[in-house]
């Protein structure tokens, strides 16, 4: 989790929720 970009990559999963909702619907 301390590797460069790891926290950002994990956070981006949550930031993609609106697109996920659209795609899954």
PDBML (XML) file of the C-alpha atoms, coordinates in Angstrom:
<?xml version="1.0" encoding="UTF-8" ?>
<PDBx:datablock datablockName="MODEL"
   xmlns:PDBx="http://pdbml.pdb.org/schema/pdbx-v50.xsd"
   xmlns:xsi="http://www.w3.org/2001/XMLSchema-instance"
   xsi:schemaLocation="http://pdbml.pdb.org/schema/pdbx-v50.xsd pdbx-v50.xsd">
   <PDBx:atom_siteCategory>
      <PDBx:atom_site id="1">
         <PDBx:B_iso_or_equiv>0.00</PDBx:B_iso_or_equiv>
         <PDBx:Cartn_x>0.000</PDBx:Cartn_x>
         <PDBx:Cartn_y>0.000</PDBx:Cartn_y>
         <PDBx:Cartn_z>0.000</PDBx:Cartn_z>
         <PDBx:auth_asym_id>A</PDBx:auth_asym_id>
         <PDBx:auth_atom_id>CA</PDBx:auth_atom_id>
         <PDBx:auth_comp_id>UNK</PDBx:auth_comp_id>
         <PDBx:auth_seq_id>1</PDBx:auth_seq_id>
         <PDBx:group_PDB>ATOM</PDBx:group_PDB>
         <PDBx:label_alt_id xsi:nil="true" />
         <PDBx:label_asym_id>A</PDBx:label_asym_id>
         <PDBx:label_atom_id>CA</PDBx:label_atom_id>
         <PDBx:label_comp_id>UNK</PDBx:label_comp_id>
         <PDBx:label_entity_id>1</PDBx:label_entity_id>
         <PDBx:label_seq_id>1</PDBx:label_seq_id>
         <PDBx:occupancy>1.00</PDBx:occupancy>
         <PDBx:pdbx_PDB_model_num>1</PDBx:pdbx_PDB_model_num>
         <PDBx:type_symbol>C</PDBx:type_symbol>
      </PDBx:atom_site>
      <PDBx:atom_site id="2">
         <PDBx:B_iso_or_equiv>0.00</PDBx:B_iso_or_equiv>
         <PDBx:Cartn_x>3.031</PDBx:Cartn_x>
         <PDBx:Cartn_y>2.269</PDBx:Cartn_y>
         <PDBx:Cartn_z>0.503</PDBx:Cartn_z>
         <PDBx:auth_asym_id>A</PDBx:auth_asym_id>
         <PDBx:auth_atom_id>CA</PDBx:auth_atom_id>
         <PDBx:auth_comp_id>UNK</PDBx:auth_comp_id>
         <PDBx:auth_seq_id>2</PDBx:auth_seq_id>
         <PDBx:group_PDB>ATOM</PDBx:group_PDB>
         <PDBx:label_alt_id xsi:nil="true" />
         <PDBx:label_asym_id>A</PDBx:label_asym_id>
         <PDBx:label_atom_id>CA</PDBx:label_atom_id>
         <PDBx:label_comp_id>UNK</PDBx:label_comp_id>
         <PDBx:label_entity_id>1</PDBx:label_entity_id>
         <PDBx:label_seq_id>2</PDBx:label_seq_id>
         <PDBx:occupancy>1.00</PDBx:occupancy>
         <PDBx:pdbx_PDB_model_num>1</PDBx:pdbx_PDB_model_num>
         <PDBx:type_symbol>C</PDBx:type_symbol>
      </PDBx:atom_site>
      <PDBx:atom_site id="3">
         <PDBx:B_iso_or_equiv>0.00</PDBx:B_iso_or_equiv>
         <PDBx:Cartn_x>4.281</PDBx:Cartn_x>
         <PDBx:Cartn_y>1.722</PDBx:Cartn_y>
         <PDBx:Cartn_z>-3.050</PDBx:Cartn_z>
         <PDBx:auth_asym_id>A</PDBx:auth_asym_id>
         <PDBx:auth_atom_id>CA</PDBx:auth_atom_id>
         <PDBx:auth_comp_id>UNK</PDBx:auth_comp_id>
         <PDBx:auth_seq_id>3</PDBx:auth_seq_id>
         <PDBx:group_PDB>ATOM</PDBx:group_PDB>
         <PDBx:label_alt_id xsi:nil="true" />
         <PDBx:label_asym_id>A</PDBx:label_asym_id>
         <PDBx:label_atom_id>CA</PDBx:label_atom_id>
         <PDBx:label_comp_id>UNK</PDBx:label_comp_id>
         <PDBx:label_entity_id>1</PDBx:label_entity_id>
         <PDBx:label_seq_id>3</PDBx:label_seq_id>
         <PDBx:occupancy>1.00</PDBx:occupancy>
         <PDBx:pdbx_PDB_model_num>1</PDBx:pdbx_PDB_model_num>
         <PDBx:type_symbol>C</PDBx:type_symbol>
      </PDBx:atom_site>
      <PDBx:atom_site id="4">
         <PDBx:B_iso_or_equiv>0.00</PDBx:B_iso_or_equiv>
         <PDBx:Cartn_x>4.173</PDBx:Cartn_x>
         <PDBx:Cartn_y>4.800</PDBx:Cartn_y>
         <PDBx:Cartn_z>-5.303</PDBx:Cartn_z>
         <PDBx:auth_asym_id>A</PDBx:auth_asym_id>
         <PDBx:auth_atom_id>CA</PDBx:auth_atom_id>
         <PDBx:auth_comp_id>UNK</PDBx:auth_comp_id>
         <PDBx:auth_seq_id>4</PDBx:auth_seq_id>
         <PDBx:group_PDB>ATOM</PDBx:group_PDB>
         <PDBx:label_alt_id xsi:nil="true" />
         <PDBx:label_asym_id>A</PDBx:label_asym_id>
         <PDBx:label_atom_id>CA</PDBx:label_atom_id>
         <PDBx:label_comp_id>UNK</PDBx:label_comp_id>
         <PDBx:label_entity_id>1</PDBx:label_entity_id>
         <PDBx:label_seq_id>4</PDBx:label_seq_id>
         <PDBx:occupancy>1.00</PDBx:occupancy>
         <PDBx:pdbx_PDB_model_num>1</PDBx:pdbx_PDB_model_num>
         <PDBx:type_symbol>C</PDBx:type_symbol>
      </PDBx:atom_site>
      <PDBx:atom_site id="5">
         <PDBx:B_iso_or_equiv>0.00</PDBx:B_iso_or_equiv>
         <PDBx:Cartn_x>0.649</PDBx:Cartn_x>
         <PDBx:Cartn_y>5.401</PDBx:Cartn_y>
         <PDBx:Cartn_z>-6.595</PDBx:Cartn_z>
         <PDBx:auth_asym_id>A</PDBx:auth_asym_id>
         <PDBx:auth_atom_id>CA</PDBx:auth_atom_id>
         <PDBx:auth_comp_id>UNK</PDBx:auth_comp_id>
         <PDBx:auth_seq_id>5</PDBx:auth_seq_id>
         <PDBx:group_PDB>ATOM</PDBx:group_PDB>
         <PDBx:label_alt_id xsi:nil="true" />
         <PDBx:label_asym_id>A</PDBx:label_asym_id>
         <PDBx:label_atom_id>CA</PDBx:label_atom_id>
         <PDBx:label_comp_id>UNK</PDBx:label_comp_id>
         <PDBx:label_entity_id>1</PDBx:label_entity_id>
         <PDBx:label_seq_id>5</PDBx:label_seq_id>
         <PDBx:occupancy>1.00</PDBx:occupancy>
         <PDBx:pdbx_PDB_model_num>1</PDBx:pdbx_PDB_model_num>
         <PDBx:type_symbol>C</PDBx:type_symbol>
      </PDBx:atom_site>
      <PDBx:atom_site id="6">
         <PDBx:B_iso_or_equiv>0.00</PDBx:B_iso_or_equiv>
         <PDBx:Cartn_x>-0.975</PDBx:Cartn_x>
         <PDBx:Cartn_y>2.622</PDBx:Cartn_y>
         <PDBx:Cartn_z>-4.536</PDBx:Cartn_z>
         <PDBx:auth_asym_id>A</PDBx:auth_asym_id>
         <PDBx:auth_atom_id>CA</PDBx:auth_atom_id>
         <PDBx:auth_comp_id>UNK</PDBx:auth_comp_id>
         <PDBx:auth_seq_id>6</PDBx:auth_seq_id>
         <PDBx:group_PDB>ATOM</PDBx:group_PDB>
         <PDBx:label_alt_id xsi:nil="true" />
         <PDBx:label_asym_id>A</PDBx:label_asym_id>
         <PDBx:label_atom_id>CA</PDBx:label_atom_id>
         <PDBx:label_comp_id>UNK</PDBx:label_comp_id>
         <PDBx:label_entity_id>1</PDBx:label_entity_id>
         <PDBx:label_seq_id>6</PDBx:label_seq_id>
         <PDBx:occupancy>1.00</PDBx:occupancy>
         <PDBx:pdbx_PDB_model_num>1</PDBx:pdbx_PDB_model_num>
         <PDBx:type_symbol>C</PDBx:type_symbol>
      </PDBx:atom_site>
      <PDBx:atom_site id="7">
         <PDBx:B_iso_or_equiv>0.00</PDBx:B_iso_or_equiv>
         <PDBx:Cartn_x>-3.161</PDBx:Cartn_x>
         <PDBx:Cartn_y>4.819</PDBx:Cartn_y>
         <PDBx:Cartn_z>-2.328</PDBx:Cartn_z>
         <PDBx:auth_asym_id>A</PDBx:auth_asym_id>
         <PDBx:auth_atom_id>CA</PDBx:auth_atom_id>
         <PDBx:auth_comp_id>UNK</PDBx:auth_comp_id>
         <PDBx:auth_seq_id>7</PDBx:auth_seq_id>
         <PDBx:group_PDB>ATOM</PDBx:group_PDB>
         <PDBx:label_alt_id xsi:nil="true" />
         <PDBx:label_asym_id>A</PDBx:label_asym_id>
         <PDBx:label_atom_id>CA</PDBx:label_atom_id>
         <PDBx:label_comp_id>UNK</PDBx:label_comp_id>
         <PDBx:label_entity_id>1</PDBx:label_entity_id>
         <PDBx:label_seq_id>7</PDBx:label_seq_id>
         <PDBx:occupancy>1.00</PDBx:occupancy>
         <PDBx:pdbx_PDB_model_num>1</PDBx:pdbx_PDB_model_num>
         <PDBx:type_symbol>C</PDBx:type_symbol>
      </PDBx:atom_site>
      <PDBx:atom_site id="8">
         <PDBx:B_iso_or_equiv>0.00</PDBx:B_iso_or_equiv>
         <PDBx:Cartn_x>-4.226</PDBx:Cartn_x>
         <PDBx:Cartn_y>6.863</PDBx:Cartn_y>
         <PDBx:Cartn_z>-5.352</PDBx:Cartn_z>
         <PDBx:auth_asym_id>A</PDBx:auth_asym_id>
         <PDBx:auth_atom_id>CA</PDBx:auth_atom_id>
         <PDBx:auth_comp_id>UNK</PDBx:auth_comp_id>
         <PDBx:auth_seq_id>8</PDBx:auth_seq_id>
         <PDBx:group_PDB>ATOM</PDBx:group_PDB>
         <PDBx:label_alt_id xsi:nil="true" />
         <PDBx:label_asym_id>A</PDBx:label_asym_id>
         <PDBx:label_atom_id>CA</PDBx:label_atom_id>
         <PDBx:label_comp_id>UNK</PDBx:label_comp_id>
         <PDBx:label_entity_id>1</PDBx:label_entity_id>
         <PDBx:label_seq_id>8</PDBx:label_seq_id>
         <PDBx:occupancy>1.00</PDBx:occupancy>
         <PDBx:pdbx_PDB_model_num>1</PDBx:pdbx_PDB_model_num>
         <PDBx:type_symbol>C</PDBx:type_symbol>
      </PDBx:atom_site>
      <PDBx:atom_site id="9">
         <PDBx:B_iso_or_equiv>0.00</PDBx:B_iso_or_equiv>
         <PDBx:Cartn_x>-5.063</PDBx:Cartn_x>
         <PDBx:Cartn_y>3.717</PDBx:Cartn_y>
         <PDBx:Cartn_z>-7.331</PDBx:Cartn_z>
         <PDBx:auth_asym_id>A</PDBx:auth_asym_id>
         <PDBx:auth_atom_id>CA</PDBx:auth_atom_id>
         <PDBx:auth_comp_id>UNK</PDBx:auth_comp_id>
         <PDBx:auth_seq_id>9</PDBx:auth_seq_id>
         <PDBx:group_PDB>ATOM</PDBx:group_PDB>
         <PDBx:label_alt_id xsi:nil="true" />
         <PDBx:label_asym_id>A</PDBx:label_asym_id>
         <PDBx:label_atom_id>CA</PDBx:label_atom_id>
         <PDBx:label_comp_id>UNK</PDBx:label_comp_id>
         <PDBx:label_entity_id>1</PDBx:label_entity_id>
         <PDBx:label_seq_id>9</PDBx:label_seq_id>
         <PDBx:occupancy>1.00</PDBx:occupancy>
         <PDBx:pdbx_PDB_model_num>1</PDBx:pdbx_PDB_model_num>
         <PDBx:type_symbol>C</PDBx:type_symbol>
      </PDBx:atom_site>
      <PDBx:atom_site id="10">
         <PDBx:B_iso_or_equiv>0.00</PDBx:B_iso_or_equiv>
         <PDBx:Cartn_x>-7.186</PDBx:Cartn_x>
         <PDBx:Cartn_y>2.395</PDBx:Cartn_y>
         <PDBx:Cartn_z>-4.476</PDBx:Cartn_z>
         <PDBx:auth_asym_id>A</PDBx:auth_asym_id>
         <PDBx:auth_atom_id>CA</PDBx:auth_atom_id>
         <PDBx:auth_comp_id>UNK</PDBx:auth_comp_id>
         <PDBx:auth_seq_id>10</PDBx:auth_seq_id>
         <PDBx:group_PDB>ATOM</PDBx:group_PDB>
         <PDBx:label_alt_id xsi:nil="true" />
         <PDBx:label_asym_id>A</PDBx:label_asym_id>
         <PDBx:label_atom_id>CA</PDBx:label_atom_id>
         <PDBx:label_comp_id>UNK</PDBx:label_comp_id>
         <PDBx:label_entity_id>1</PDBx:label_entity_id>
         <PDBx:label_seq_id>10</PDBx:label_seq_id>
         <PDBx:occupancy>1.00</PDBx:occupancy>
         <PDBx:pdbx_PDB_model_num>1</PDBx:pdbx_PDB_model_num>
         <PDBx:type_symbol>C</PDBx:type_symbol>
      </PDBx:atom_site>
      <PDBx:atom_site id="11">
         <PDBx:B_iso_or_equiv>0.00</PDBx:B_iso_or_equiv>
         <PDBx:Cartn_x>-8.965</PDBx:Cartn_x>
         <PDBx:Cartn_y>5.717</PDBx:Cartn_y>
         <PDBx:Cartn_z>-4.046</PDBx:Cartn_z>
         <PDBx:auth_asym_id>A</PDBx:auth_asym_id>
         <PDBx:auth_atom_id>CA</PDBx:auth_atom_id>
         <PDBx:auth_comp_id>UNK</PDBx:auth_comp_id>
         <PDBx:auth_seq_id>11</PDBx:auth_seq_id>
         <PDBx:group_PDB>ATOM</PDBx:group_PDB>
         <PDBx:label_alt_id xsi:nil="true" />
         <PDBx:label_asym_id>A</PDBx:label_asym_id>
         <PDBx:label_atom_id>CA</PDBx:label_atom_id>
         <PDBx:label_comp_id>UNK</PDBx:label_comp_id>
         <PDBx:label_entity_id>1</PDBx:label_entity_id>
         <PDBx:label_seq_id>11</PDBx:label_seq_id>
         <PDBx:occupancy>1.00</PDBx:occupancy>
         <PDBx:pdbx_PDB_model_num>1</PDBx:pdbx_PDB_model_num>
         <PDBx:type_symbol>C</PDBx:type_symbol>
      </PDBx:atom_site>
      <PDBx:atom_site id="12">
         <PDBx:B_iso_or_equiv>0.00</PDBx:B_iso_or_equiv>
         <PDBx:Cartn_x>-9.732</PDBx:Cartn_x>
         <PDBx:Cartn_y>5.859</PDBx:Cartn_y>
         <PDBx:Cartn_z>-7.750</PDBx:Cartn_z>
         <PDBx:auth_asym_id>A</PDBx:auth_asym_id>
         <PDBx:auth_atom_id>CA</PDBx:auth_atom_id>
         <PDBx:auth_comp_id>UNK</PDBx:auth_comp_id>
         <PDBx:auth_seq_id>12</PDBx:auth_seq_id>
         <PDBx:group_PDB>ATOM</PDBx:group_PDB>
         <PDBx:label_alt_id xsi:nil="true" />
         <PDBx:label_asym_id>A</PDBx:label_asym_id>
         <PDBx:label_atom_id>CA</PDBx:label_atom_id>
         <PDBx:label_comp_id>UNK</PDBx:label_comp_id>
         <PDBx:label_entity_id>1</PDBx:label_entity_id>
         <PDBx:label_seq_id>12</PDBx:label_seq_id>
         <PDBx:occupancy>1.00</PDBx:occupancy>
         <PDBx:pdbx_PDB_model_num>1</PDBx:pdbx_PDB_model_num>
         <PDBx:type_symbol>C</PDBx:type_symbol>
      </PDBx:atom_site>
      <PDBx:atom_site id="13">
         <PDBx:B_iso_or_equiv>0.00</PDBx:B_iso_or_equiv>
         <PDBx:Cartn_x>-11.811</PDBx:Cartn_x>
         <PDBx:Cartn_y>2.698</PDBx:Cartn_y>
         <PDBx:Cartn_z>-7.381</PDBx:Cartn_z>
         <PDBx:auth_asym_id>A</PDBx:auth_asym_id>
         <PDBx:auth_atom_id>CA</PDBx:auth_atom_id>
         <PDBx:auth_comp_id>UNK</PDBx:auth_comp_id>
         <PDBx:auth_seq_id>13</PDBx:auth_seq_id>
         <PDBx:group_PDB>ATOM</PDBx:group_PDB>
         <PDBx:label_alt_id xsi:nil="true" />
         <PDBx:label_asym_id>A</PDBx:label_asym_id>
         <PDBx:label_atom_id>CA</PDBx:label_atom_id>
         <PDBx:label_comp_id>UNK</PDBx:label_comp_id>
         <PDBx:label_entity_id>1</PDBx:label_entity_id>
         <PDBx:label_seq_id>13</PDBx:label_seq_id>
         <PDBx:occupancy>1.00</PDBx:occupancy>
         <PDBx:pdbx_PDB_model_num>1</PDBx:pdbx_PDB_model_num>
         <PDBx:type_symbol>C</PDBx:type_symbol>
      </PDBx:atom_site>
      <PDBx:atom_site id="14">
         <PDBx:B_iso_or_equiv>0.00</PDBx:B_iso_or_equiv>
         <PDBx:Cartn_x>-14.149</PDBx:Cartn_x>
         <PDBx:Cartn_y>4.654</PDBx:Cartn_y>
         <PDBx:Cartn_z>-5.105</PDBx:Cartn_z>
         <PDBx:auth_asym_id>A</PDBx:auth_asym_id>
         <PDBx:auth_atom_id>CA</PDBx:auth_atom_id>
         <PDBx:auth_comp_id>UNK</PDBx:auth_comp_id>
         <PDBx:auth_seq_id>14</PDBx:auth_seq_id>
         <PDBx:group_PDB>ATOM</PDBx:group_PDB>
         <PDBx:label_alt_id xsi:nil="true" />
         <PDBx:label_asym_id>A</PDBx:label_asym_id>
         <PDBx:label_atom_id>CA</PDBx:label_atom_id>
         <PDBx:label_comp_id>UNK</PDBx:label_comp_id>
         <PDBx:label_entity_id>1</PDBx:label_entity_id>
         <PDBx:label_seq_id>14</PDBx:label_seq_id>
         <PDBx:occupancy>1.00</PDBx:occupancy>
         <PDBx:pdbx_PDB_model_num>1</PDBx:pdbx_PDB_model_num>
         <PDBx:type_symbol>C</PDBx:type_symbol>
      </PDBx:atom_site>
      <PDBx:atom_site id="15">
         <PDBx:B_iso_or_equiv>0.00</PDBx:B_iso_or_equiv>
         <PDBx:Cartn_x>-14.057</PDBx:Cartn_x>
         <PDBx:Cartn_y>7.730</PDBx:Cartn_y>
         <PDBx:Cartn_z>-7.322</PDBx:Cartn_z>
         <PDBx:auth_asym_id>A</PDBx:auth_asym_id>
         <PDBx:auth_atom_id>CA</PDBx:auth_atom_id>
         <PDBx:auth_comp_id>UNK</PDBx:auth_comp_id>
         <PDBx:auth_seq_id>15</PDBx:auth_seq_id>
         <PDBx:group_PDB>ATOM</PDBx:group_PDB>
         <PDBx:label_alt_id xsi:nil="true" />
         <PDBx:label_asym_id>A</PDBx:label_asym_id>
         <PDBx:label_atom_id>CA</PDBx:label_atom_id>
         <PDBx:label_comp_id>UNK</PDBx:label_comp_id>
         <PDBx:label_entity_id>1</PDBx:label_entity_id>
         <PDBx:label_seq_id>15</PDBx:label_seq_id>
         <PDBx:occupancy>1.00</PDBx:occupancy>
         <PDBx:pdbx_PDB_model_num>1</PDBx:pdbx_PDB_model_num>
         <PDBx:type_symbol>C</PDBx:type_symbol>
      </PDBx:atom_site>
      <PDBx:atom_site id="16">
         <PDBx:B_iso_or_equiv>0.00</PDBx:B_iso_or_equiv>
         <PDBx:Cartn_x>-15.242</PDBx:Cartn_x>
         <PDBx:Cartn_y>5.563</PDBx:Cartn_y>
         <PDBx:Cartn_z>-10.209</PDBx:Cartn_z>
         <PDBx:auth_asym_id>A</PDBx:auth_asym_id>
         <PDBx:auth_atom_id>CA</PDBx:auth_atom_id>
         <PDBx:auth_comp_id>UNK</PDBx:auth_comp_id>
         <PDBx:auth_seq_id>16</PDBx:auth_seq_id>
         <PDBx:group_PDB>ATOM</PDBx:group_PDB>
         <PDBx:label_alt_id xsi:nil="true" />
         <PDBx:label_asym_id>A</PDBx:label_asym_id>
         <PDBx:label_atom_id>CA</PDBx:label_atom_id>
         <PDBx:label_comp_id>UNK</PDBx:label_comp_id>
         <PDBx:label_entity_id>1</PDBx:label_entity_id>
         <PDBx:label_seq_id>16</PDBx:label_seq_id>
         <PDBx:occupancy>1.00</PDBx:occupancy>
         <PDBx:pdbx_PDB_model_num>1</PDBx:pdbx_PDB_model_num>
         <PDBx:type_symbol>C</PDBx:type_symbol>
      </PDBx:atom_site>
      <PDBx:atom_site id="17">
         <PDBx:B_iso_or_equiv>0.00</PDBx:B_iso_or_equiv>
         <PDBx:Cartn_x>-18.475</PDBx:Cartn_x>
         <PDBx:Cartn_y>4.620</PDBx:Cartn_y>
         <PDBx:Cartn_z>-8.395</PDBx:Cartn_z>
         <PDBx:auth_asym_id>A</PDBx:auth_asym_id>
         <PDBx:auth_atom_id>CA</PDBx:auth_atom_id>
         <PDBx:auth_comp_id>UNK</PDBx:auth_comp_id>
         <PDBx:auth_seq_id>17</PDBx:auth_seq_id>
         <PDBx:group_PDB>ATOM</PDBx:group_PDB>
         <PDBx:label_alt_id xsi:nil="true" />
         <PDBx:label_asym_id>A</PDBx:label_asym_id>
         <PDBx:label_atom_id>CA</PDBx:label_atom_id>
         <PDBx:label_comp_id>UNK</PDBx:label_comp_id>
         <PDBx:label_entity_id>1</PDBx:label_entity_id>
         <PDBx:label_seq_id>17</PDBx:label_seq_id>
         <PDBx:occupancy>1.00</PDBx:occupancy>
         <PDBx:pdbx_PDB_model_num>1</PDBx:pdbx_PDB_model_num>
         <PDBx:type_symbol>C</PDBx:type_symbol>
      </PDBx:atom_site>
      <PDBx:atom_site id="18">
         <PDBx:B_iso_or_equiv>0.00</PDBx:B_iso_or_equiv>
         <PDBx:Cartn_x>-20.700</PDBx:Cartn_x>
         <PDBx:Cartn_y>6.899</PDBx:Cartn_y>
         <PDBx:Cartn_z>-10.545</PDBx:Cartn_z>
         <PDBx:auth_asym_id>A</PDBx:auth_asym_id>
         <PDBx:auth_atom_id>CA</PDBx:auth_atom_id>
         <PDBx:auth_comp_id>UNK</PDBx:auth_comp_id>
         <PDBx:auth_seq_id>18</PDBx:auth_seq_id>
         <PDBx:group_PDB>ATOM</PDBx:group_PDB>
         <PDBx:label_alt_id xsi:nil="true" />
         <PDBx:label_asym_id>A</PDBx:label_asym_id>
         <PDBx:label_atom_id>CA</PDBx:label_atom_id>
         <PDBx:label_comp_id>UNK</PDBx:label_comp_id>
         <PDBx:label_entity_id>1</PDBx:label_entity_id>
         <PDBx:label_seq_id>18</PDBx:label_seq_id>
         <PDBx:occupancy>1.00</PDBx:occupancy>
         <PDBx:pdbx_PDB_model_num>1</PDBx:pdbx_PDB_model_num>
         <PDBx:type_symbol>C</PDBx:type_symbol>
      </PDBx:atom_site>
      <PDBx:atom_site id="19">
         <PDBx:B_iso_or_equiv>0.00</PDBx:B_iso_or_equiv>
         <PDBx:Cartn_x>-19.370</PDBx:Cartn_x>
         <PDBx:Cartn_y>5.296</PDBx:Cartn_y>
         <PDBx:Cartn_z>-13.741</PDBx:Cartn_z>
         <PDBx:auth_asym_id>A</PDBx:auth_asym_id>
         <PDBx:auth_atom_id>CA</PDBx:auth_atom_id>
         <PDBx:auth_comp_id>UNK</PDBx:auth_comp_id>
         <PDBx:auth_seq_id>19</PDBx:auth_seq_id>
         <PDBx:group_PDB>ATOM</PDBx:group_PDB>
         <PDBx:label_alt_id xsi:nil="true" />
         <PDBx:label_asym_id>A</PDBx:label_asym_id>
         <PDBx:label_atom_id>CA</PDBx:label_atom_id>
         <PDBx:label_comp_id>UNK</PDBx:label_comp_id>
         <PDBx:label_entity_id>1</PDBx:label_entity_id>
         <PDBx:label_seq_id>19</PDBx:label_seq_id>
         <PDBx:occupancy>1.00</PDBx:occupancy>
         <PDBx:pdbx_PDB_model_num>1</PDBx:pdbx_PDB_model_num>
         <PDBx:type_symbol>C</PDBx:type_symbol>
      </PDBx:atom_site>
      <PDBx:atom_site id="20">
         <PDBx:B_iso_or_equiv>0.00</PDBx:B_iso_or_equiv>
         <PDBx:Cartn_x>-19.688</PDBx:Cartn_x>
         <PDBx:Cartn_y>1.822</PDBx:Cartn_y>
         <PDBx:Cartn_z>-12.209</PDBx:Cartn_z>
         <PDBx:auth_asym_id>A</PDBx:auth_asym_id>
         <PDBx:auth_atom_id>CA</PDBx:auth_atom_id>
         <PDBx:auth_comp_id>UNK</PDBx:auth_comp_id>
         <PDBx:auth_seq_id>20</PDBx:auth_seq_id>
         <PDBx:group_PDB>ATOM</PDBx:group_PDB>
         <PDBx:label_alt_id xsi:nil="true" />
         <PDBx:label_asym_id>A</PDBx:label_asym_id>
         <PDBx:label_atom_id>CA</PDBx:label_atom_id>
         <PDBx:label_comp_id>UNK</PDBx:label_comp_id>
         <PDBx:label_entity_id>1</PDBx:label_entity_id>
         <PDBx:label_seq_id>20</PDBx:label_seq_id>
         <PDBx:occupancy>1.00</PDBx:occupancy>
         <PDBx:pdbx_PDB_model_num>1</PDBx:pdbx_PDB_model_num>
         <PDBx:type_symbol>C</PDBx:type_symbol>
      </PDBx:atom_site>
      <PDBx:atom_site id="21">
         <PDBx:B_iso_or_equiv>0.00</PDBx:B_iso_or_equiv>
         <PDBx:Cartn_x>-23.314</PDBx:Cartn_x>
         <PDBx:Cartn_y>2.551</PDBx:Cartn_y>
         <PDBx:Cartn_z>-11.349</PDBx:Cartn_z>
         <PDBx:auth_asym_id>A</PDBx:auth_asym_id>
         <PDBx:auth_atom_id>CA</PDBx:auth_atom_id>
         <PDBx:auth_comp_id>UNK</PDBx:auth_comp_id>
         <PDBx:auth_seq_id>21</PDBx:auth_seq_id>
         <PDBx:group_PDB>ATOM</PDBx:group_PDB>
         <PDBx:label_alt_id xsi:nil="true" />
         <PDBx:label_asym_id>A</PDBx:label_asym_id>
         <PDBx:label_atom_id>CA</PDBx:label_atom_id>
         <PDBx:label_comp_id>UNK</PDBx:label_comp_id>
         <PDBx:label_entity_id>1</PDBx:label_entity_id>
         <PDBx:label_seq_id>21</PDBx:label_seq_id>
         <PDBx:occupancy>1.00</PDBx:occupancy>
         <PDBx:pdbx_PDB_model_num>1</PDBx:pdbx_PDB_model_num>
         <PDBx:type_symbol>C</PDBx:type_symbol>
      </PDBx:atom_site>
      <PDBx:atom_site id="22">
         <PDBx:B_iso_or_equiv>0.00</PDBx:B_iso_or_equiv>
         <PDBx:Cartn_x>-23.961</PDBx:Cartn_x>
         <PDBx:Cartn_y>3.622</PDBx:Cartn_y>
         <PDBx:Cartn_z>-14.929</PDBx:Cartn_z>
         <PDBx:auth_asym_id>A</PDBx:auth_asym_id>
         <PDBx:auth_atom_id>CA</PDBx:auth_atom_id>
         <PDBx:auth_comp_id>UNK</PDBx:auth_comp_id>
         <PDBx:auth_seq_id>22</PDBx:auth_seq_id>
         <PDBx:group_PDB>ATOM</PDBx:group_PDB>
         <PDBx:label_alt_id xsi:nil="true" />
         <PDBx:label_asym_id>A</PDBx:label_asym_id>
         <PDBx:label_atom_id>CA</PDBx:label_atom_id>
         <PDBx:label_comp_id>UNK</PDBx:label_comp_id>
         <PDBx:label_entity_id>1</PDBx:label_entity_id>
         <PDBx:label_seq_id>22</PDBx:label_seq_id>
         <PDBx:occupancy>1.00</PDBx:occupancy>
         <PDBx:pdbx_PDB_model_num>1</PDBx:pdbx_PDB_model_num>
         <PDBx:type_symbol>C</PDBx:type_symbol>
      </PDBx:atom_site>
      <PDBx:atom_site id="23">
         <PDBx:B_iso_or_equiv>0.00</PDBx:B_iso_or_equiv>
         <PDBx:Cartn_x>-22.193</PDBx:Cartn_x>
         <PDBx:Cartn_y>0.601</PDBx:Cartn_y>
         <PDBx:Cartn_z>-16.416</PDBx:Cartn_z>
         <PDBx:auth_asym_id>A</PDBx:auth_asym_id>
         <PDBx:auth_atom_id>CA</PDBx:auth_atom_id>
         <PDBx:auth_comp_id>UNK</PDBx:auth_comp_id>
         <PDBx:auth_seq_id>23</PDBx:auth_seq_id>
         <PDBx:group_PDB>ATOM</PDBx:group_PDB>
         <PDBx:label_alt_id xsi:nil="true" />
         <PDBx:label_asym_id>A</PDBx:label_asym_id>
         <PDBx:label_atom_id>CA</PDBx:label_atom_id>
         <PDBx:label_comp_id>UNK</PDBx:label_comp_id>
         <PDBx:label_entity_id>1</PDBx:label_entity_id>
         <PDBx:label_seq_id>23</PDBx:label_seq_id>
         <PDBx:occupancy>1.00</PDBx:occupancy>
         <PDBx:pdbx_PDB_model_num>1</PDBx:pdbx_PDB_model_num>
         <PDBx:type_symbol>C</PDBx:type_symbol>
      </PDBx:atom_site>
      <PDBx:atom_site id="24">
         <PDBx:B_iso_or_equiv>0.00</PDBx:B_iso_or_equiv>
         <PDBx:Cartn_x>-23.763</PDBx:Cartn_x>
         <PDBx:Cartn_y>-1.970</PDBx:Cartn_y>
         <PDBx:Cartn_z>-14.093</PDBx:Cartn_z>
         <PDBx:auth_asym_id>A</PDBx:auth_asym_id>
         <PDBx:auth_atom_id>CA</PDBx:auth_atom_id>
         <PDBx:auth_comp_id>UNK</PDBx:auth_comp_id>
         <PDBx:auth_seq_id>24</PDBx:auth_seq_id>
         <PDBx:group_PDB>ATOM</PDBx:group_PDB>
         <PDBx:label_alt_id xsi:nil="true" />
         <PDBx:label_asym_id>A</PDBx:label_asym_id>
         <PDBx:label_atom_id>CA</PDBx:label_atom_id>
         <PDBx:label_comp_id>UNK</PDBx:label_comp_id>
         <PDBx:label_entity_id>1</PDBx:label_entity_id>
         <PDBx:label_seq_id>24</PDBx:label_seq_id>
         <PDBx:occupancy>1.00</PDBx:occupancy>
         <PDBx:pdbx_PDB_model_num>1</PDBx:pdbx_PDB_model_num>
         <PDBx:type_symbol>C</PDBx:type_symbol>
      </PDBx:atom_site>
      <PDBx:atom_site id="25">
         <PDBx:B_iso_or_equiv>0.00</PDBx:B_iso_or_equiv>
         <PDBx:Cartn_x>-27.239</PDBx:Cartn_x>
         <PDBx:Cartn_y>-0.534</PDBx:Cartn_y>
         <PDBx:Cartn_z>-14.585</PDBx:Cartn_z>
         <PDBx:auth_asym_id>A</PDBx:auth_asym_id>
         <PDBx:auth_atom_id>CA</PDBx:auth_atom_id>
         <PDBx:auth_comp_id>UNK</PDBx:auth_comp_id>
         <PDBx:auth_seq_id>25</PDBx:auth_seq_id>
         <PDBx:group_PDB>ATOM</PDBx:group_PDB>
         <PDBx:label_alt_id xsi:nil="true" />
         <PDBx:label_asym_id>A</PDBx:label_asym_id>
         <PDBx:label_atom_id>CA</PDBx:label_atom_id>
         <PDBx:label_comp_id>UNK</PDBx:label_comp_id>
         <PDBx:label_entity_id>1</PDBx:label_entity_id>
         <PDBx:label_seq_id>25</PDBx:label_seq_id>
         <PDBx:occupancy>1.00</PDBx:occupancy>
         <PDBx:pdbx_PDB_model_num>1</PDBx:pdbx_PDB_model_num>
         <PDBx:type_symbol>C</PDBx:type_symbol>
      </PDBx:atom_site>
   </PDBx:atom_siteCategory>
</PDBx:datablock>
